[in-house]
N, C-alpha and C. Protein backbone atom coordinates (compact mmCIF):
# COMPACT_ATOMS: atom_id res chain seq x y z
N UNK A 1 14.30 34.81 22.48
CA UNK A 1 15.41 34.70 23.32
C UNK A 1 15.99 36.12 23.63
N UNK A 2 16.57 36.23 24.76
CA UNK A 2 17.17 37.50 25.13
C UNK A 2 18.51 37.34 25.78
N UNK A 3 19.49 38.13 25.45
CA UNK A 3 20.80 38.04 25.99
C UNK A 3 21.01 39.61 26.48
N UNK A 4 21.28 39.65 27.83
CA UNK A 4 21.26 41.05 28.42
C UNK A 4 22.09 42.07 27.67
N UNK A 5 23.30 41.76 27.24
CA UNK A 5 24.04 42.74 26.52
C UNK A 5 23.60 43.07 25.11
N UNK A 6 22.84 42.21 24.48
CA UNK A 6 22.30 42.41 23.21
C UNK A 6 20.76 42.75 23.12
N UNK A 7 20.13 42.43 24.24
CA UNK A 7 18.67 42.62 24.33
C UNK A 7 17.93 41.42 23.68
N UNK A 8 16.70 41.74 23.16
CA UNK A 8 15.93 40.61 22.58
C UNK A 8 16.43 40.30 21.19
N UNK A 9 16.54 39.00 20.94
CA UNK A 9 17.03 38.52 19.60
C UNK A 9 15.88 38.07 18.82
N UNK A 10 16.00 38.14 17.44
CA UNK A 10 14.96 37.66 16.56
C UNK A 10 15.62 36.76 15.53
N UNK A 11 14.89 36.05 14.82
CA UNK A 11 15.32 35.18 13.76
C UNK A 11 15.39 36.06 12.46
N UNK A 12 16.59 36.01 11.80
CA UNK A 12 16.69 36.76 10.50
C UNK A 12 16.14 35.90 9.42
N UNK A 13 16.39 36.30 8.16
CA UNK A 13 15.84 35.58 7.05
C UNK A 13 16.55 34.23 6.83
N UNK A 14 17.59 34.05 7.44
CA UNK A 14 18.35 32.82 7.24
C UNK A 14 18.04 31.90 8.57
N UNK A 15 17.09 32.30 9.32
CA UNK A 15 16.74 31.57 10.56
C UNK A 15 17.80 31.59 11.64
N UNK A 16 18.55 32.65 11.75
CA UNK A 16 19.65 32.81 12.71
C UNK A 16 19.30 33.83 13.65
N UNK A 17 19.69 33.71 14.95
CA UNK A 17 19.40 34.73 15.95
C UNK A 17 20.18 35.96 15.63
N UNK A 18 19.48 37.12 15.73
CA UNK A 18 20.11 38.38 15.36
C UNK A 18 19.70 39.40 16.33
N UNK A 19 20.54 40.34 16.58
CA UNK A 19 20.18 41.48 17.55
C UNK A 19 19.74 42.68 16.65
N UNK A 20 19.29 43.60 17.34
CA UNK A 20 18.94 44.87 16.70
C UNK A 20 20.26 45.59 16.46
N UNK A 21 20.43 46.53 15.60
CA UNK A 21 21.64 47.24 15.41
C UNK A 21 22.16 47.90 16.63
N UNK A 22 23.42 47.57 16.95
CA UNK A 22 24.01 48.12 18.22
C UNK A 22 25.31 48.92 17.82
N UNK A 23 25.44 50.03 18.50
CA UNK A 23 26.71 50.86 18.30
C UNK A 23 27.93 50.19 18.77
N UNK A 24 28.97 50.08 17.99
CA UNK A 24 30.19 49.48 18.37
C UNK A 24 31.25 50.51 18.43
N UNK A 25 31.81 50.82 19.63
CA UNK A 25 32.85 51.90 19.73
C UNK A 25 34.10 51.53 18.89
N UNK A 26 34.46 50.37 18.79
CA UNK A 26 35.67 49.96 18.01
C UNK A 26 35.51 50.25 16.50
N UNK A 27 34.23 50.32 16.06
CA UNK A 27 33.95 50.64 14.70
C UNK A 27 33.58 52.03 14.54
N UNK A 28 33.94 52.95 15.34
CA UNK A 28 33.66 54.35 15.22
C UNK A 28 32.27 54.69 15.54
N UNK A 29 31.59 53.80 16.38
CA UNK A 29 30.10 53.99 16.70
C UNK A 29 29.19 53.43 15.68
N UNK A 30 29.72 52.90 14.64
CA UNK A 30 28.85 52.30 13.56
C UNK A 30 27.84 51.30 14.19
N UNK A 31 26.66 51.25 13.68
CA UNK A 31 25.69 50.20 14.31
C UNK A 31 25.79 48.93 13.55
N UNK A 32 25.96 47.91 14.13
CA UNK A 32 26.10 46.52 13.56
C UNK A 32 25.01 45.66 14.14
N UNK A 33 24.68 44.65 13.42
CA UNK A 33 23.82 43.59 13.87
C UNK A 33 24.66 42.34 14.28
N UNK A 34 24.47 41.80 15.43
CA UNK A 34 25.17 40.54 15.86
C UNK A 34 24.25 39.43 15.39
N UNK A 35 24.91 38.50 14.69
CA UNK A 35 24.27 37.19 14.28
C UNK A 35 24.94 36.13 15.05
N UNK A 36 24.11 35.41 15.83
CA UNK A 36 24.69 34.31 16.65
C UNK A 36 24.40 33.00 15.92
N UNK A 37 25.21 32.69 14.97
CA UNK A 37 25.07 31.41 14.23
C UNK A 37 25.23 30.20 15.06
N UNK A 38 24.20 29.39 15.06
CA UNK A 38 24.22 28.13 15.90
C UNK A 38 24.47 28.34 17.45
N UNK A 39 24.15 29.51 17.83
CA UNK A 39 24.21 29.85 19.28
C UNK A 39 23.55 28.84 20.23
N UNK A 40 22.31 28.45 19.75
CA UNK A 40 21.56 27.53 20.55
C UNK A 40 22.07 26.17 20.54
N UNK A 41 22.96 25.77 19.64
CA UNK A 41 23.62 24.47 19.55
C UNK A 41 24.95 24.37 20.25
N UNK A 42 25.46 25.48 20.60
CA UNK A 42 26.83 25.55 21.18
C UNK A 42 26.93 24.94 22.55
N UNK A 43 27.98 24.27 22.88
CA UNK A 43 28.17 23.56 24.22
C UNK A 43 28.42 24.59 25.20
N UNK A 44 28.93 25.78 24.95
CA UNK A 44 29.30 26.88 25.86
C UNK A 44 28.83 28.18 25.37
N UNK A 45 27.56 28.46 25.37
CA UNK A 45 27.10 29.81 24.86
C UNK A 45 27.65 30.95 25.59
N UNK A 46 28.10 30.78 26.80
CA UNK A 46 28.75 31.92 27.59
C UNK A 46 29.93 32.44 26.86
N UNK A 47 30.64 31.63 26.05
CA UNK A 47 31.71 32.14 25.29
C UNK A 47 31.32 33.13 24.21
N UNK A 48 30.11 32.89 23.62
CA UNK A 48 29.63 33.89 22.69
C UNK A 48 29.47 35.20 23.34
N UNK A 49 28.77 35.17 24.45
CA UNK A 49 28.38 36.30 25.22
C UNK A 49 29.67 37.11 25.67
N UNK A 50 30.64 36.34 26.15
CA UNK A 50 31.94 36.96 26.65
C UNK A 50 32.59 37.62 25.48
N UNK A 51 32.55 36.97 24.34
CA UNK A 51 33.22 37.56 23.15
C UNK A 51 32.53 38.86 22.67
N UNK A 52 31.20 38.86 22.80
CA UNK A 52 30.47 40.06 22.35
C UNK A 52 30.64 41.23 23.42
N UNK A 53 30.79 40.84 24.67
CA UNK A 53 31.03 41.85 25.75
C UNK A 53 32.39 42.41 25.47
N UNK A 54 33.44 41.64 25.13
CA UNK A 54 34.82 42.15 24.92
C UNK A 54 34.77 43.11 23.68
N UNK A 55 34.09 42.77 22.63
CA UNK A 55 34.00 43.65 21.40
C UNK A 55 33.39 44.99 21.87
N UNK A 56 32.20 44.98 22.67
CA UNK A 56 31.62 46.18 23.00
C UNK A 56 32.34 47.00 23.98
N UNK A 57 33.30 46.40 24.64
CA UNK A 57 34.09 47.19 25.63
C UNK A 57 35.31 47.90 24.93
N UNK A 58 35.71 47.28 23.77
CA UNK A 58 36.90 47.77 23.11
C UNK A 58 36.72 49.09 22.39
N UNK A 59 37.89 49.78 22.32
CA UNK A 59 37.85 51.02 21.47
C UNK A 59 38.51 50.79 20.09
N UNK A 60 38.58 51.82 19.35
CA UNK A 60 39.20 51.70 18.01
C UNK A 60 40.73 51.24 17.91
N UNK A 61 41.32 51.33 19.07
CA UNK A 61 42.80 50.99 19.04
C UNK A 61 43.06 49.57 18.76
N UNK A 62 42.08 48.67 18.97
CA UNK A 62 42.30 47.25 18.66
C UNK A 62 42.32 47.05 17.17
N UNK A 63 41.88 47.95 16.32
CA UNK A 63 41.77 47.74 14.91
C UNK A 63 42.93 48.47 14.15
N UNK A 64 43.59 49.48 14.81
CA UNK A 64 44.53 50.29 14.17
C UNK A 64 45.69 49.53 13.58
N UNK A 65 46.20 48.61 14.28
CA UNK A 65 47.38 47.82 13.80
C UNK A 65 47.00 46.76 12.79
N UNK A 66 45.81 46.42 12.61
CA UNK A 66 45.37 45.26 11.77
C UNK A 66 44.49 45.80 10.64
N UNK A 67 44.34 47.05 10.40
CA UNK A 67 43.27 47.57 9.54
C UNK A 67 43.51 47.01 8.10
N UNK A 68 44.77 47.00 7.58
CA UNK A 68 45.03 46.50 6.34
C UNK A 68 44.81 45.03 6.14
N UNK A 69 45.02 44.29 7.15
CA UNK A 69 44.74 42.79 7.17
C UNK A 69 43.26 42.64 7.19
N UNK A 70 42.40 43.40 7.84
CA UNK A 70 41.00 43.28 7.83
C UNK A 70 40.56 43.59 6.38
N UNK A 71 41.11 44.58 5.72
CA UNK A 71 40.57 44.83 4.41
C UNK A 71 40.97 43.73 3.42
N UNK A 72 42.20 43.24 3.58
CA UNK A 72 42.59 42.12 2.71
C UNK A 72 41.67 40.91 2.86
N UNK A 73 41.27 40.73 4.11
CA UNK A 73 40.36 39.51 4.39
C UNK A 73 39.01 39.82 3.79
N UNK A 74 38.52 41.02 3.79
CA UNK A 74 37.28 41.39 3.19
C UNK A 74 37.35 41.17 1.69
N UNK A 75 38.51 41.66 0.99
CA UNK A 75 38.63 41.45 -0.40
C UNK A 75 38.66 39.95 -0.73
N UNK A 76 39.39 39.16 0.08
CA UNK A 76 39.49 37.61 -0.17
C UNK A 76 38.09 37.00 -0.06
N UNK A 77 37.38 37.32 0.96
CA UNK A 77 36.02 36.65 1.10
C UNK A 77 35.05 37.21 -0.01
N UNK A 78 35.12 38.50 -0.25
CA UNK A 78 34.23 39.07 -1.22
C UNK A 78 34.55 38.59 -2.67
N UNK A 79 35.70 38.13 -2.98
CA UNK A 79 36.13 37.73 -4.27
C UNK A 79 35.30 36.44 -4.66
N UNK A 80 34.65 35.78 -3.66
CA UNK A 80 33.93 34.57 -3.87
C UNK A 80 32.56 34.82 -4.38
N UNK A 81 32.21 36.10 -4.41
CA UNK A 81 30.86 36.50 -4.79
C UNK A 81 30.84 37.42 -5.99
N UNK A 82 29.75 37.59 -6.65
CA UNK A 82 29.48 38.47 -7.79
C UNK A 82 28.60 39.64 -7.32
N UNK A 83 28.90 40.82 -7.81
CA UNK A 83 28.00 41.99 -7.51
C UNK A 83 26.54 41.52 -7.79
N UNK A 84 25.64 41.81 -6.80
CA UNK A 84 24.25 41.43 -6.97
C UNK A 84 23.87 40.20 -6.10
N UNK A 85 24.95 39.41 -5.75
CA UNK A 85 24.70 38.29 -4.85
C UNK A 85 24.27 38.76 -3.45
N UNK A 86 23.56 37.96 -2.82
CA UNK A 86 23.02 38.34 -1.49
C UNK A 86 24.22 38.60 -0.48
N UNK A 87 25.43 37.94 -0.60
CA UNK A 87 26.43 38.10 0.32
C UNK A 87 27.55 39.05 -0.15
N UNK A 88 27.35 39.51 -1.36
CA UNK A 88 28.43 40.57 -1.88
C UNK A 88 28.14 41.92 -1.23
N UNK A 89 29.22 42.50 -0.76
CA UNK A 89 29.20 43.82 -0.13
C UNK A 89 30.19 44.66 -0.81
N UNK A 90 29.79 45.84 -1.37
CA UNK A 90 30.68 46.74 -1.95
C UNK A 90 31.02 47.78 -0.92
N UNK A 91 32.24 47.95 -0.54
CA UNK A 91 32.70 48.94 0.33
C UNK A 91 33.89 49.67 -0.20
N UNK A 92 34.13 50.87 0.35
CA UNK A 92 35.36 51.64 -0.05
C UNK A 92 36.13 51.86 1.27
N UNK A 93 37.44 51.60 1.09
CA UNK A 93 38.36 51.92 2.21
C UNK A 93 38.65 53.35 2.29
N UNK A 94 38.21 54.01 3.34
CA UNK A 94 38.36 55.45 3.54
C UNK A 94 39.19 55.61 4.71
N UNK A 95 40.21 56.49 4.67
CA UNK A 95 41.12 56.69 5.77
C UNK A 95 40.62 57.98 6.55
N UNK A 96 40.34 57.87 7.75
CA UNK A 96 39.95 58.91 8.65
C UNK A 96 41.01 59.15 9.67
N UNK A 97 41.04 60.38 10.27
CA UNK A 97 41.90 60.69 11.29
C UNK A 97 41.11 61.28 12.51
N UNK A 98 41.54 60.95 13.65
CA UNK A 98 40.95 61.47 14.90
C UNK A 98 42.07 61.73 15.87
N UNK A 99 42.21 62.91 16.33
CA UNK A 99 43.37 63.26 17.26
C UNK A 99 44.69 62.61 16.77
N UNK A 100 44.98 62.89 15.47
CA UNK A 100 46.20 62.43 14.83
C UNK A 100 46.30 60.84 14.76
N UNK A 101 45.25 60.13 15.10
CA UNK A 101 45.31 58.70 14.86
C UNK A 101 44.49 58.36 13.69
N UNK A 102 45.05 57.47 12.89
CA UNK A 102 44.23 57.07 11.64
C UNK A 102 43.26 55.94 12.16
N UNK A 103 42.01 56.20 11.71
CA UNK A 103 41.01 55.18 12.03
C UNK A 103 40.61 54.41 10.89
N UNK A 104 40.29 53.09 11.05
CA UNK A 104 39.70 52.37 9.89
C UNK A 104 38.24 52.77 9.72
N UNK A 105 37.78 52.89 8.62
CA UNK A 105 36.42 53.25 8.34
C UNK A 105 35.93 52.64 7.01
N UNK A 106 34.93 51.92 7.08
CA UNK A 106 34.42 51.27 5.90
C UNK A 106 33.14 51.88 5.46
N UNK A 107 33.19 52.61 4.36
CA UNK A 107 31.95 53.35 3.91
C UNK A 107 30.94 52.39 3.45
N UNK A 108 29.79 52.43 3.96
CA UNK A 108 28.65 51.68 3.46
C UNK A 108 28.59 50.34 4.13
N UNK A 109 29.52 50.00 5.17
CA UNK A 109 29.45 48.76 5.83
C UNK A 109 28.96 48.96 7.23
N UNK A 110 27.60 48.64 7.46
CA UNK A 110 26.98 48.74 8.73
C UNK A 110 26.09 47.57 9.03
């Protein structure tokens, strides 16, 4: 399957549609893989595509006001796992500045 904004999708090890790593401006250009969980079962797959388009159009300003909430969410979700689990992700919250604006940056999270 192919979605124009993401390119050709492949099945990952969990049998979910996944993109190749794509640079995300809102994440400081970090490359991320989009996983479209149950995309093929959705009644309105265009909503998936629209959401992805919006993310790819956005810059880092969308994250600046919610960066601490994002990190708290990460900590809450990650507390359900133990180091070494497949879903456990160890990241460090690092504060970066660009043109006097503080940017969220998660070291090791790509």
